[in-house]
């Protein structure tokens, strides 16, 4: 069992996976200056930067990325703040073993700037989702979600920080379920063998 993690920046969710003792064998970034690469290297994980700007097309970049991932023959590929749109060929290559964490309660607010959009919409509950990656952006089968109440006077930054703490709770949980072969998908809906909780609700912070 092994996991390759893809990052673009600080890699806080990558760190959460490492802190949980999950078998991360490599961390790959699409930016050489991604802070998470240095953090992973200090923890003894193999790292690699593949600059997307060095490739003329999305397809060329994804082919190089896949070649590097496949050197490790991972059981799972985990996107952890990987800010790149993936091509259909890449998604198909890793179908059923490609996970992402998204900072909203999907299917609400796919895409970017989720916390500001949630506040502008006046939602009373916000959160994050771990899901399988499909060709449609942020619409794959949902594995687990974490929700937090939206507080009076909340800002995008304060809400993002509270949601991020829950991301660090549920992403390791979802990865562990996958590696333990606990996930079952029927008609696009994910269940967990053993009836493990697929929703975390936190009003403590």
N, C-alpha and C. Protein backbone atom coordinates (compact mmCIF):
# COMPACT_ATOMS: atom_id res chain seq x y z
N UNK A 1 0.83 -1.19 0.00
CA UNK A 1 0.00 0.00 0.00
C UNK A 1 0.88 1.25 0.00
N UNK A 2 0.59 2.19 -0.90
CA UNK A 2 1.37 3.41 -0.94
C UNK A 2 0.54 4.53 -1.54
N UNK A 3 0.94 5.76 -1.20
CA UNK A 3 0.22 6.95 -1.64
C UNK A 3 1.21 7.94 -2.23
N UNK A 4 0.87 8.50 -3.38
CA UNK A 4 1.58 9.65 -3.94
C UNK A 4 0.68 10.86 -3.77
N UNK A 5 1.24 11.94 -3.25
CA UNK A 5 0.49 13.16 -2.98
C UNK A 5 0.93 14.25 -3.95
N UNK A 6 -0.04 14.95 -4.52
CA UNK A 6 0.23 16.06 -5.43
C UNK A 6 -0.13 17.38 -4.75
N UNK A 7 0.78 18.34 -4.80
CA UNK A 7 0.57 19.63 -4.14
C UNK A 7 0.95 20.77 -5.08
N UNK A 8 0.50 21.97 -4.69
CA UNK A 8 0.93 23.18 -5.41
C UNK A 8 1.51 24.23 -4.47
N UNK A 9 1.28 24.09 -3.16
CA UNK A 9 1.70 25.12 -2.23
C UNK A 9 2.23 24.58 -0.93
N UNK A 10 1.61 25.03 0.17
CA UNK A 10 2.14 24.72 1.50
C UNK A 10 1.98 23.26 1.89
N UNK A 11 0.98 22.60 1.31
CA UNK A 11 0.83 21.17 1.56
C UNK A 11 0.37 20.82 2.96
N UNK A 12 -0.55 21.62 3.53
CA UNK A 12 -0.98 21.32 4.90
C UNK A 12 -1.75 20.01 4.97
N UNK A 13 -2.54 19.70 3.95
CA UNK A 13 -3.23 18.41 3.95
C UNK A 13 -2.27 17.26 3.73
N UNK A 14 -1.22 17.49 2.95
CA UNK A 14 -0.16 16.50 2.82
C UNK A 14 0.48 16.22 4.17
N UNK A 15 0.72 17.28 4.94
CA UNK A 15 1.29 17.11 6.28
C UNK A 15 0.34 16.31 7.17
N UNK A 16 -0.95 16.56 7.04
CA UNK A 16 -1.92 15.80 7.84
C UNK A 16 -1.86 14.31 7.51
N UNK A 17 -1.67 13.98 6.25
CA UNK A 17 -1.54 12.58 5.86
C UNK A 17 -0.28 11.96 6.46
N UNK A 18 0.82 12.72 6.44
CA UNK A 18 2.06 12.23 7.03
C UNK A 18 1.91 12.07 8.55
N UNK A 19 1.28 13.06 9.18
CA UNK A 19 1.10 13.00 10.64
C UNK A 19 0.25 11.81 11.05
N UNK A 20 -0.65 11.38 10.15
CA UNK A 20 -1.52 10.23 10.44
C UNK A 20 -0.81 8.90 10.23
N UNK A 21 0.45 8.96 9.78
CA UNK A 21 1.21 7.72 9.57
C UNK A 21 0.85 6.97 8.32
N UNK A 22 0.23 7.65 7.37
CA UNK A 22 -0.15 6.98 6.12
C UNK A 22 1.08 6.78 5.24
N UNK A 23 1.07 5.75 4.38
CA UNK A 23 2.27 5.37 3.63
C UNK A 23 2.50 6.24 2.40
N UNK A 24 2.85 7.50 2.64
CA UNK A 24 3.14 8.43 1.54
C UNK A 24 4.57 8.17 1.06
N UNK A 25 4.70 7.76 -0.20
CA UNK A 25 6.02 7.41 -0.72
C UNK A 25 6.63 8.53 -1.55
N UNK A 26 5.80 9.46 -2.01
CA UNK A 26 6.33 10.57 -2.79
C UNK A 26 5.36 11.74 -2.74
N UNK A 27 5.93 12.95 -2.78
CA UNK A 27 5.15 14.18 -2.89
C UNK A 27 5.65 14.90 -4.14
N UNK A 28 4.73 15.22 -5.05
CA UNK A 28 5.08 15.86 -6.31
C UNK A 28 4.37 17.21 -6.37
N UNK A 29 5.12 18.25 -6.74
CA UNK A 29 4.54 19.57 -6.88
C UNK A 29 4.66 20.08 -8.29
N UNK A 30 3.71 20.91 -8.69
CA UNK A 30 3.79 21.53 -10.02
C UNK A 30 4.50 22.88 -9.98
N UNK A 31 5.03 23.21 -8.80
CA UNK A 31 5.83 24.42 -8.63
C UNK A 31 7.06 24.07 -7.80
N UNK A 32 8.22 24.44 -8.27
CA UNK A 32 9.45 24.12 -7.54
C UNK A 32 9.51 24.84 -6.20
N UNK A 33 8.80 25.97 -6.08
CA UNK A 33 8.83 26.74 -4.84
C UNK A 33 7.69 26.36 -3.88
N UNK A 34 6.99 25.30 -4.17
CA UNK A 34 5.93 24.85 -3.26
C UNK A 34 6.53 24.48 -1.91
N UNK A 35 6.09 25.16 -0.86
CA UNK A 35 6.68 24.97 0.46
C UNK A 35 6.54 23.54 0.95
N UNK A 36 5.49 22.87 0.54
CA UNK A 36 5.27 21.50 0.99
C UNK A 36 6.33 20.53 0.55
N UNK A 37 7.01 20.82 -0.55
CA UNK A 37 8.07 19.92 -1.01
C UNK A 37 9.22 19.88 -0.01
N UNK A 38 9.60 21.04 0.50
CA UNK A 38 10.68 21.09 1.48
C UNK A 38 10.27 20.40 2.78
N UNK A 39 9.03 20.61 3.18
CA UNK A 39 8.53 19.97 4.40
C UNK A 39 8.56 18.46 4.26
N UNK A 40 8.09 17.94 3.13
CA UNK A 40 8.08 16.50 2.90
C UNK A 40 9.50 15.95 2.86
N UNK A 41 10.41 16.66 2.21
CA UNK A 41 11.80 16.20 2.11
C UNK A 41 12.44 16.10 3.49
N UNK A 42 12.14 17.07 4.35
CA UNK A 42 12.70 17.03 5.71
C UNK A 42 12.19 15.83 6.49
N UNK A 43 11.05 15.31 6.08
CA UNK A 43 10.48 14.15 6.75
C UNK A 43 10.84 12.84 6.06
N UNK A 44 11.78 12.92 5.13
CA UNK A 44 12.30 11.71 4.50
C UNK A 44 11.49 11.17 3.35
N UNK A 45 10.58 11.99 2.81
CA UNK A 45 9.74 11.55 1.70
C UNK A 45 10.39 11.98 0.38
N UNK A 46 10.34 11.12 -0.60
CA UNK A 46 10.87 11.45 -1.93
C UNK A 46 10.01 12.57 -2.54
N UNK A 47 10.65 13.62 -3.02
CA UNK A 47 9.92 14.74 -3.61
C UNK A 47 10.38 14.99 -5.04
N UNK A 48 9.50 15.64 -5.79
CA UNK A 48 9.83 15.96 -7.18
C UNK A 48 9.01 17.18 -7.59
N UNK A 49 9.67 18.13 -8.24
CA UNK A 49 8.96 19.27 -8.83
C UNK A 49 8.88 19.08 -10.33
N UNK A 50 7.67 19.17 -10.87
CA UNK A 50 7.45 19.14 -12.32
C UNK A 50 6.73 20.43 -12.66
N UNK A 51 7.45 21.40 -13.12
CA UNK A 51 6.90 22.73 -13.38
C UNK A 51 5.94 22.67 -14.57
N UNK A 52 4.67 23.00 -14.32
CA UNK A 52 3.71 22.96 -15.41
C UNK A 52 4.04 24.00 -16.49
N UNK A 53 4.74 25.05 -16.09
CA UNK A 53 5.08 26.10 -17.07
C UNK A 53 6.12 25.64 -18.08
N UNK A 54 6.76 24.52 -17.80
CA UNK A 54 7.77 24.00 -18.73
C UNK A 54 7.16 23.19 -19.88
N UNK A 55 5.84 23.02 -19.86
CA UNK A 55 5.19 22.16 -20.85
C UNK A 55 4.22 22.98 -21.70
N UNK A 56 4.18 22.72 -23.00
CA UNK A 56 3.38 23.56 -23.89
C UNK A 56 1.88 23.34 -23.79
N UNK A 57 1.47 22.17 -23.31
CA UNK A 57 0.04 21.86 -23.24
C UNK A 57 -0.28 21.15 -21.93
N UNK A 58 -1.56 21.15 -21.60
CA UNK A 58 -2.02 20.39 -20.44
C UNK A 58 -1.69 18.91 -20.61
N UNK A 59 -1.87 18.42 -21.82
CA UNK A 59 -1.64 17.00 -22.09
C UNK A 59 -0.18 16.62 -21.87
N UNK A 60 0.73 17.48 -22.30
CA UNK A 60 2.16 17.20 -22.14
C UNK A 60 2.55 17.21 -20.67
N UNK A 61 2.02 18.16 -19.92
CA UNK A 61 2.30 18.20 -18.48
C UNK A 61 1.75 16.96 -17.78
N UNK A 62 0.52 16.62 -18.07
CA UNK A 62 -0.10 15.46 -17.41
C UNK A 62 0.64 14.17 -17.75
N UNK A 63 1.14 14.06 -18.97
CA UNK A 63 1.90 12.86 -19.34
C UNK A 63 3.18 12.76 -18.52
N UNK A 64 3.87 13.89 -18.33
CA UNK A 64 5.09 13.90 -17.52
C UNK A 64 4.77 13.60 -16.06
N UNK A 65 3.67 14.17 -15.58
CA UNK A 65 3.25 13.93 -14.20
C UNK A 65 2.92 12.46 -13.98
N UNK A 66 2.17 11.87 -14.90
CA UNK A 66 1.80 10.46 -14.78
C UNK A 66 3.03 9.57 -14.80
N UNK A 67 3.99 9.90 -15.65
CA UNK A 67 5.21 9.09 -15.72
C UNK A 67 5.95 9.10 -14.38
N UNK A 68 5.99 10.25 -13.73
CA UNK A 68 6.65 10.33 -12.43
C UNK A 68 5.86 9.58 -11.36
N UNK A 69 4.56 9.74 -11.37
CA UNK A 69 3.72 9.02 -10.40
C UNK A 69 3.90 7.51 -10.56
N UNK A 70 3.87 7.04 -11.79
CA UNK A 70 3.89 5.61 -12.05
C UNK A 70 5.22 4.96 -11.69
N UNK A 71 6.26 5.77 -11.56
CA UNK A 71 7.54 5.20 -11.09
C UNK A 71 7.39 4.60 -9.70
N UNK A 72 6.41 5.08 -8.94
CA UNK A 72 6.22 4.62 -7.56
C UNK A 72 5.13 3.56 -7.44
N UNK A 73 4.41 3.29 -8.54
CA UNK A 73 3.33 2.29 -8.54
C UNK A 73 2.40 2.45 -7.33
N UNK A 74 1.83 3.63 -7.13
CA UNK A 74 1.03 3.85 -5.91
C UNK A 74 -0.32 3.16 -5.94
N UNK A 75 -0.80 2.83 -4.77
CA UNK A 75 -2.15 2.33 -4.62
C UNK A 75 -3.15 3.45 -4.84
N UNK A 76 -2.76 4.66 -4.42
CA UNK A 76 -3.67 5.81 -4.42
C UNK A 76 -2.88 7.07 -4.77
N UNK A 77 -3.53 7.97 -5.49
CA UNK A 77 -2.99 9.31 -5.74
C UNK A 77 -3.92 10.30 -5.06
N UNK A 78 -3.36 11.13 -4.18
CA UNK A 78 -4.14 12.07 -3.39
C UNK A 78 -3.79 13.51 -3.76
N UNK A 79 -4.77 14.25 -4.23
CA UNK A 79 -4.59 15.67 -4.51
C UNK A 79 -4.75 16.45 -3.22
N UNK A 80 -3.77 17.27 -2.88
CA UNK A 80 -3.80 18.01 -1.63
C UNK A 80 -3.45 19.46 -1.93
N UNK A 81 -4.46 20.20 -2.40
CA UNK A 81 -4.20 21.57 -2.82
C UNK A 81 -3.44 21.63 -4.13
N UNK A 82 -3.75 20.71 -5.02
CA UNK A 82 -3.10 20.66 -6.33
C UNK A 82 -3.93 21.50 -7.29
N UNK A 83 -3.42 22.67 -7.64
CA UNK A 83 -4.22 23.67 -8.34
C UNK A 83 -4.05 23.58 -9.86
N UNK A 84 -4.34 22.41 -10.38
CA UNK A 84 -4.28 22.21 -11.82
C UNK A 84 -5.52 21.45 -12.29
N UNK A 85 -6.05 21.86 -13.44
CA UNK A 85 -7.13 21.10 -14.07
C UNK A 85 -6.50 19.89 -14.75
N UNK A 86 -7.03 18.71 -14.46
CA UNK A 86 -6.47 17.47 -15.00
C UNK A 86 -7.20 17.07 -16.28
N UNK A 87 -6.45 16.54 -17.22
CA UNK A 87 -7.04 16.12 -18.49
C UNK A 87 -7.84 14.83 -18.32
N UNK A 88 -8.81 14.59 -19.20
CA UNK A 88 -9.58 13.34 -19.14
C UNK A 88 -8.69 12.10 -19.19
N UNK A 89 -7.63 12.13 -19.98
CA UNK A 89 -6.75 10.96 -20.07
C UNK A 89 -6.07 10.67 -18.74
N UNK A 90 -5.65 11.72 -18.04
CA UNK A 90 -5.01 11.54 -16.74
C UNK A 90 -6.01 10.96 -15.74
N UNK A 91 -7.19 11.55 -15.70
CA UNK A 91 -8.22 11.07 -14.76
C UNK A 91 -8.57 9.61 -15.06
N UNK A 92 -8.69 9.27 -16.34
CA UNK A 92 -9.03 7.89 -16.70
C UNK A 92 -7.92 6.93 -16.29
N UNK A 93 -6.68 7.36 -16.41
CA UNK A 93 -5.54 6.50 -16.06
C UNK A 93 -5.57 6.11 -14.58
N UNK A 94 -6.05 7.02 -13.73
CA UNK A 94 -6.09 6.74 -12.29
C UNK A 94 -7.52 6.57 -11.78
N UNK A 95 -8.43 6.24 -12.64
CA UNK A 95 -9.84 6.10 -12.27
C UNK A 95 -10.00 5.15 -11.09
N UNK A 96 -10.75 5.61 -10.09
CA UNK A 96 -11.02 4.78 -8.92
C UNK A 96 -9.93 4.81 -7.88
N UNK A 97 -8.82 5.51 -8.15
CA UNK A 97 -7.77 5.61 -7.14
C UNK A 97 -7.14 7.01 -7.12
N UNK A 98 -8.00 7.99 -7.38
CA UNK A 98 -7.59 9.40 -7.39
C UNK A 98 -8.57 10.17 -6.51
N UNK A 99 -8.05 10.72 -5.41
CA UNK A 99 -8.90 11.45 -4.44
C UNK A 99 -8.53 12.92 -4.41
N UNK A 100 -9.50 13.74 -4.01
CA UNK A 100 -9.29 15.17 -3.84
C UNK A 100 -10.03 15.63 -2.59
N UNK A 101 -9.51 16.69 -1.97
CA UNK A 101 -10.24 17.35 -0.90
C UNK A 101 -10.59 18.75 -1.37
N UNK A 102 -11.86 19.11 -1.20
CA UNK A 102 -12.36 20.39 -1.70
C UNK A 102 -12.98 21.18 -0.55
N UNK A 103 -12.71 22.49 -0.48
CA UNK A 103 -13.18 23.29 0.66
C UNK A 103 -14.61 23.80 0.52
N UNK A 104 -15.54 22.89 0.33
CA UNK A 104 -16.97 23.21 0.42
C UNK A 104 -17.72 21.91 0.62
N UNK A 105 -18.98 22.06 0.96
CA UNK A 105 -19.85 20.89 1.07
C UNK A 105 -20.44 20.62 -0.31
N UNK A 106 -19.69 19.88 -1.11
CA UNK A 106 -20.15 19.56 -2.46
C UNK A 106 -21.51 18.86 -2.41
N UNK A 107 -22.34 19.09 -3.42
CA UNK A 107 -22.05 19.75 -4.70
C UNK A 107 -22.13 21.27 -4.67
N UNK A 108 -22.29 21.88 -3.50
CA UNK A 108 -22.30 23.34 -3.42
C UNK A 108 -20.89 23.90 -3.61
N UNK A 109 -20.79 24.99 -4.34
CA UNK A 109 -19.56 25.77 -4.49
C UNK A 109 -18.37 24.97 -5.02
N UNK A 110 -18.51 24.33 -6.16
CA UNK A 110 -17.32 23.76 -6.79
C UNK A 110 -16.42 24.88 -7.30
N UNK A 111 -15.17 24.54 -7.59
CA UNK A 111 -14.26 25.56 -8.11
C UNK A 111 -13.56 26.34 -7.02
N UNK A 112 -13.21 27.59 -7.33
CA UNK A 112 -12.36 28.40 -6.46
C UNK A 112 -13.17 29.37 -5.59
N UNK A 113 -12.48 29.98 -4.63
CA UNK A 113 -13.02 31.08 -3.81
C UNK A 113 -14.28 30.64 -3.06
N UNK A 114 -14.24 29.43 -2.54
CA UNK A 114 -15.46 28.83 -1.97
C UNK A 114 -15.94 29.55 -0.71
N UNK A 115 -15.02 30.01 0.13
CA UNK A 115 -15.44 30.59 1.41
C UNK A 115 -16.14 31.93 1.20
N UNK A 116 -15.60 32.77 0.33
CA UNK A 116 -16.26 34.04 0.03
C UNK A 116 -17.63 33.79 -0.60
N UNK A 117 -17.69 32.85 -1.51
CA UNK A 117 -18.96 32.56 -2.18
C UNK A 117 -19.99 32.02 -1.20
N UNK A 118 -19.55 31.18 -0.26
CA UNK A 118 -20.47 30.65 0.74
C UNK A 118 -21.04 31.76 1.61
N UNK A 119 -20.18 32.68 2.03
CA UNK A 119 -20.65 33.80 2.85
C UNK A 119 -21.59 34.70 2.06
N UNK A 120 -21.27 34.95 0.80
CA UNK A 120 -22.12 35.79 -0.04
C UNK A 120 -23.49 35.16 -0.25
N UNK A 121 -23.54 33.84 -0.26
CA UNK A 121 -24.81 33.14 -0.45
C UNK A 121 -25.62 33.06 0.84
N UNK A 122 -24.99 33.40 1.96
CA UNK A 122 -25.70 33.39 3.23
C UNK A 122 -25.92 32.01 3.83
N UNK A 123 -25.08 31.04 3.47
CA UNK A 123 -25.27 29.71 4.02
C UNK A 123 -25.01 29.72 5.53
N UNK A 124 -25.63 28.84 6.23
CA UNK A 124 -25.48 28.76 7.68
C UNK A 124 -24.51 27.66 8.09
N UNK A 125 -24.21 26.75 7.16
CA UNK A 125 -23.27 25.67 7.40
C UNK A 125 -22.34 25.58 6.19
N UNK A 126 -21.07 25.40 6.44
CA UNK A 126 -20.06 25.31 5.38
C UNK A 126 -19.14 24.16 5.75
N UNK A 127 -18.19 23.82 4.89
CA UNK A 127 -17.29 22.72 5.26
C UNK A 127 -16.41 22.28 4.12
N UNK A 128 -16.10 20.98 4.12
CA UNK A 128 -15.20 20.42 3.11
C UNK A 128 -15.65 19.01 2.76
N UNK A 129 -15.16 18.54 1.61
CA UNK A 129 -15.55 17.22 1.10
C UNK A 129 -14.33 16.50 0.55
N UNK A 130 -14.23 15.21 0.82
CA UNK A 130 -13.26 14.35 0.16
C UNK A 130 -14.03 13.52 -0.86
N UNK A 131 -13.55 13.50 -2.09
CA UNK A 131 -14.29 12.81 -3.15
C UNK A 131 -13.35 12.15 -4.14
N UNK A 132 -13.89 11.17 -4.84
CA UNK A 132 -13.18 10.60 -5.98
C UNK A 132 -13.16 11.63 -7.11
N UNK A 133 -12.06 11.66 -7.85
CA UNK A 133 -11.93 12.60 -8.95
C UNK A 133 -12.49 11.97 -10.22
N UNK A 134 -13.33 12.73 -10.91
CA UNK A 134 -13.85 12.35 -12.22
C UNK A 134 -13.56 13.49 -13.19
N UNK A 135 -13.95 13.31 -14.43
CA UNK A 135 -13.69 14.34 -15.44
C UNK A 135 -14.38 15.65 -15.11
N UNK A 136 -15.53 15.59 -14.48
CA UNK A 136 -16.26 16.81 -14.14
C UNK A 136 -15.68 17.40 -12.86
N UNK A 137 -15.27 18.64 -12.92
CA UNK A 137 -14.57 19.28 -11.80
C UNK A 137 -15.40 19.25 -10.52
N UNK A 138 -14.80 18.70 -9.46
CA UNK A 138 -15.39 18.70 -8.12
C UNK A 138 -16.77 18.06 -8.07
N UNK A 139 -16.98 17.02 -8.86
CA UNK A 139 -18.28 16.36 -8.88
C UNK A 139 -18.18 14.84 -8.73
N UNK A 140 -17.06 14.30 -8.32
CA UNK A 140 -16.95 12.86 -8.15
C UNK A 140 -17.67 12.38 -6.90
N UNK A 141 -17.86 11.06 -6.77
CA UNK A 141 -18.55 10.50 -5.60
C UNK A 141 -17.91 10.95 -4.29
N UNK A 142 -18.75 11.40 -3.36
CA UNK A 142 -18.29 11.97 -2.09
C UNK A 142 -18.06 10.85 -1.07
N UNK A 143 -16.89 10.89 -0.44
CA UNK A 143 -16.52 9.88 0.54
C UNK A 143 -16.87 10.32 1.96
N UNK A 144 -16.49 11.54 2.30
CA UNK A 144 -16.72 12.04 3.65
C UNK A 144 -16.76 13.56 3.59
N UNK A 145 -17.55 14.14 4.50
CA UNK A 145 -17.63 15.59 4.59
C UNK A 145 -17.48 16.02 6.04
N UNK A 146 -17.01 17.25 6.23
CA UNK A 146 -16.97 17.87 7.55
C UNK A 146 -17.66 19.22 7.45
N UNK A 147 -18.49 19.52 8.42
CA UNK A 147 -19.27 20.75 8.40
C UNK A 147 -18.99 21.59 9.65
N UNK A 148 -19.02 22.90 9.46
CA UNK A 148 -18.89 23.84 10.57
C UNK A 148 -20.01 24.88 10.43
N UNK A 149 -20.53 25.40 11.53
CA UNK A 149 -21.51 26.47 11.43
C UNK A 149 -20.84 27.78 11.02
N UNK A 150 -21.55 28.56 10.24
CA UNK A 150 -21.06 29.89 9.87
C UNK A 150 -21.47 30.86 10.97
N UNK A 151 -20.50 31.55 11.55
CA UNK A 151 -20.75 32.40 12.70
C UNK A 151 -21.01 33.85 12.30
N UNK A 152 -21.72 34.59 13.14
CA UNK A 152 -21.91 36.02 12.86
C UNK A 152 -20.56 36.73 12.75
N UNK A 153 -20.43 37.60 11.78
CA UNK A 153 -19.19 38.33 11.60
C UNK A 153 -18.08 37.53 10.95
N UNK A 154 -18.38 36.35 10.47
CA UNK A 154 -17.37 35.49 9.84
C UNK A 154 -16.79 36.19 8.61
N UNK A 155 -15.49 35.99 8.39
CA UNK A 155 -14.84 36.47 7.18
C UNK A 155 -14.37 35.26 6.37
N UNK A 156 -14.05 35.44 5.09
CA UNK A 156 -13.52 34.31 4.33
C UNK A 156 -12.28 33.70 4.98
N UNK A 157 -11.43 34.52 5.59
CA UNK A 157 -10.21 34.00 6.20
C UNK A 157 -10.50 33.20 7.46
N UNK A 158 -11.38 33.70 8.31
CA UNK A 158 -11.68 32.95 9.54
C UNK A 158 -12.42 31.66 9.21
N UNK A 159 -13.31 31.73 8.24
CA UNK A 159 -14.04 30.52 7.85
C UNK A 159 -13.10 29.50 7.21
N UNK A 160 -12.18 29.98 6.37
CA UNK A 160 -11.21 29.08 5.74
C UNK A 160 -10.37 28.36 6.78
N UNK A 161 -9.94 29.09 7.81
CA UNK A 161 -9.11 28.48 8.85
C UNK A 161 -9.87 27.40 9.61
N UNK A 162 -11.14 27.64 9.90
CA UNK A 162 -11.93 26.66 10.63
C UNK A 162 -12.21 25.43 9.77
N UNK A 163 -12.48 25.65 8.49
CA UNK A 163 -12.70 24.52 7.59
C UNK A 163 -11.42 23.71 7.41
N UNK A 164 -10.27 24.41 7.31
CA UNK A 164 -9.01 23.72 7.10
C UNK A 164 -8.71 22.75 8.24
N UNK A 165 -9.03 23.14 9.46
CA UNK A 165 -8.79 22.22 10.59
C UNK A 165 -9.60 20.94 10.42
N UNK A 166 -10.77 21.04 9.85
CA UNK A 166 -11.58 19.84 9.60
C UNK A 166 -11.08 19.05 8.40
N UNK A 167 -10.50 19.73 7.41
CA UNK A 167 -9.87 19.02 6.30
C UNK A 167 -8.80 18.07 6.82
N UNK A 168 -8.05 18.55 7.81
CA UNK A 168 -6.96 17.73 8.36
C UNK A 168 -7.49 16.53 9.15
N UNK A 169 -8.76 16.57 9.53
CA UNK A 169 -9.39 15.44 10.21
C UNK A 169 -9.88 14.40 9.20
N UNK A 170 -10.59 14.87 8.17
CA UNK A 170 -11.30 13.92 7.31
C UNK A 170 -10.46 13.36 6.17
N UNK A 171 -9.44 14.10 5.71
CA UNK A 171 -8.67 13.55 4.59
C UNK A 171 -7.90 12.30 5.00
N UNK A 172 -7.18 12.31 6.12
CA UNK A 172 -6.53 11.05 6.52
C UNK A 172 -7.53 9.91 6.73
N UNK A 173 -8.70 10.24 7.23
CA UNK A 173 -9.71 9.21 7.45
C UNK A 173 -10.11 8.58 6.12
N UNK A 174 -10.37 9.40 5.11
CA UNK A 174 -10.78 8.88 3.81
C UNK A 174 -9.68 8.05 3.16
N UNK A 175 -8.45 8.52 3.26
CA UNK A 175 -7.33 7.77 2.68
C UNK A 175 -7.17 6.42 3.37
N UNK A 176 -7.31 6.41 4.67
CA UNK A 176 -7.20 5.15 5.41
C UNK A 176 -8.32 4.20 5.00
N UNK A 177 -9.53 4.69 4.87
CA UNK A 177 -10.63 3.85 4.41
C UNK A 177 -10.32 3.23 3.06
N UNK A 178 -9.78 4.05 2.15
CA UNK A 178 -9.45 3.54 0.82
C UNK A 178 -8.41 2.43 0.91
N UNK A 179 -7.34 2.68 1.64
CA UNK A 179 -6.27 1.70 1.73
C UNK A 179 -6.72 0.42 2.43
N UNK A 180 -7.68 0.55 3.34
CA UNK A 180 -8.21 -0.61 4.05
C UNK A 180 -9.34 -1.29 3.28
N UNK A 181 -9.60 -0.84 2.05
CA UNK A 181 -10.63 -1.42 1.18
C UNK A 181 -12.01 -1.37 1.83
N UNK A 182 -12.32 -0.24 2.46
CA UNK A 182 -13.61 -0.08 3.12
C UNK A 182 -14.64 0.67 2.29
N UNK A 183 -14.23 1.23 1.15
CA UNK A 183 -15.14 2.06 0.36
C UNK A 183 -15.88 1.24 -0.69
N UNK A 184 -17.18 1.47 -0.76
CA UNK A 184 -18.03 0.81 -1.75
C UNK A 184 -18.81 1.89 -2.50
N UNK A 185 -18.78 1.85 -3.83
CA UNK A 185 -19.52 2.82 -4.64
C UNK A 185 -20.64 2.09 -5.37
N UNK A 186 -21.87 2.54 -5.14
CA UNK A 186 -23.03 2.00 -5.85
C UNK A 186 -23.84 3.16 -6.39
N UNK A 187 -24.05 3.17 -7.69
CA UNK A 187 -24.82 4.23 -8.35
C UNK A 187 -24.29 5.62 -8.00
N UNK A 188 -22.97 5.72 -7.91
CA UNK A 188 -22.35 7.01 -7.64
C UNK A 188 -22.36 7.45 -6.21
N UNK A 189 -22.82 6.60 -5.31
CA UNK A 189 -22.87 6.94 -3.88
C UNK A 189 -21.89 6.05 -3.12
N UNK A 190 -21.07 6.68 -2.28
CA UNK A 190 -20.04 5.95 -1.53
C UNK A 190 -20.56 5.58 -0.15
N UNK A 191 -20.36 4.35 0.23
CA UNK A 191 -20.60 3.92 1.61
C UNK A 191 -19.32 3.31 2.14
N UNK A 192 -19.28 3.15 3.46
CA UNK A 192 -18.09 2.65 4.13
C UNK A 192 -18.45 1.36 4.85
N UNK A 193 -17.72 0.30 4.56
CA UNK A 193 -17.94 -0.96 5.26
C UNK A 193 -17.72 -0.74 6.75
N UNK A 194 -18.64 -1.23 7.55
CA UNK A 194 -18.53 -1.04 8.99
C UNK A 194 -19.29 0.17 9.49
N UNK A 195 -19.97 0.87 8.57
CA UNK A 195 -20.81 2.01 8.95
C UNK A 195 -20.04 3.13 9.65
N UNK A 196 -18.80 3.37 9.25
CA UNK A 196 -18.05 4.48 9.82
C UNK A 196 -18.70 5.80 9.43
N UNK A 197 -18.60 6.79 10.33
CA UNK A 197 -19.26 8.08 10.11
C UNK A 197 -18.65 8.79 8.92
N UNK A 198 -19.52 9.19 8.00
CA UNK A 198 -19.08 9.91 6.81
C UNK A 198 -19.38 11.40 6.89
N UNK A 199 -19.78 11.84 8.06
CA UNK A 199 -19.99 13.27 8.30
C UNK A 199 -19.42 13.64 9.66
N UNK A 200 -18.60 14.67 9.66
CA UNK A 200 -18.08 15.25 10.90
C UNK A 200 -18.70 16.62 11.05
N UNK A 201 -19.27 16.92 12.23
CA UNK A 201 -19.80 18.25 12.48
C UNK A 201 -19.08 18.83 13.69
N UNK A 202 -18.46 19.98 13.49
CA UNK A 202 -17.68 20.58 14.57
C UNK A 202 -18.12 22.02 14.80
N UNK A 203 -18.57 22.32 16.02
CA UNK A 203 -18.89 23.70 16.39
C UNK A 203 -18.00 24.20 17.51
N UNK A 204 -16.83 23.56 17.67
CA UNK A 204 -15.96 23.89 18.80
C UNK A 204 -14.99 25.02 18.51
N UNK A 205 -14.63 25.21 17.23
CA UNK A 205 -13.61 26.23 16.96
C UNK A 205 -14.02 27.17 15.83
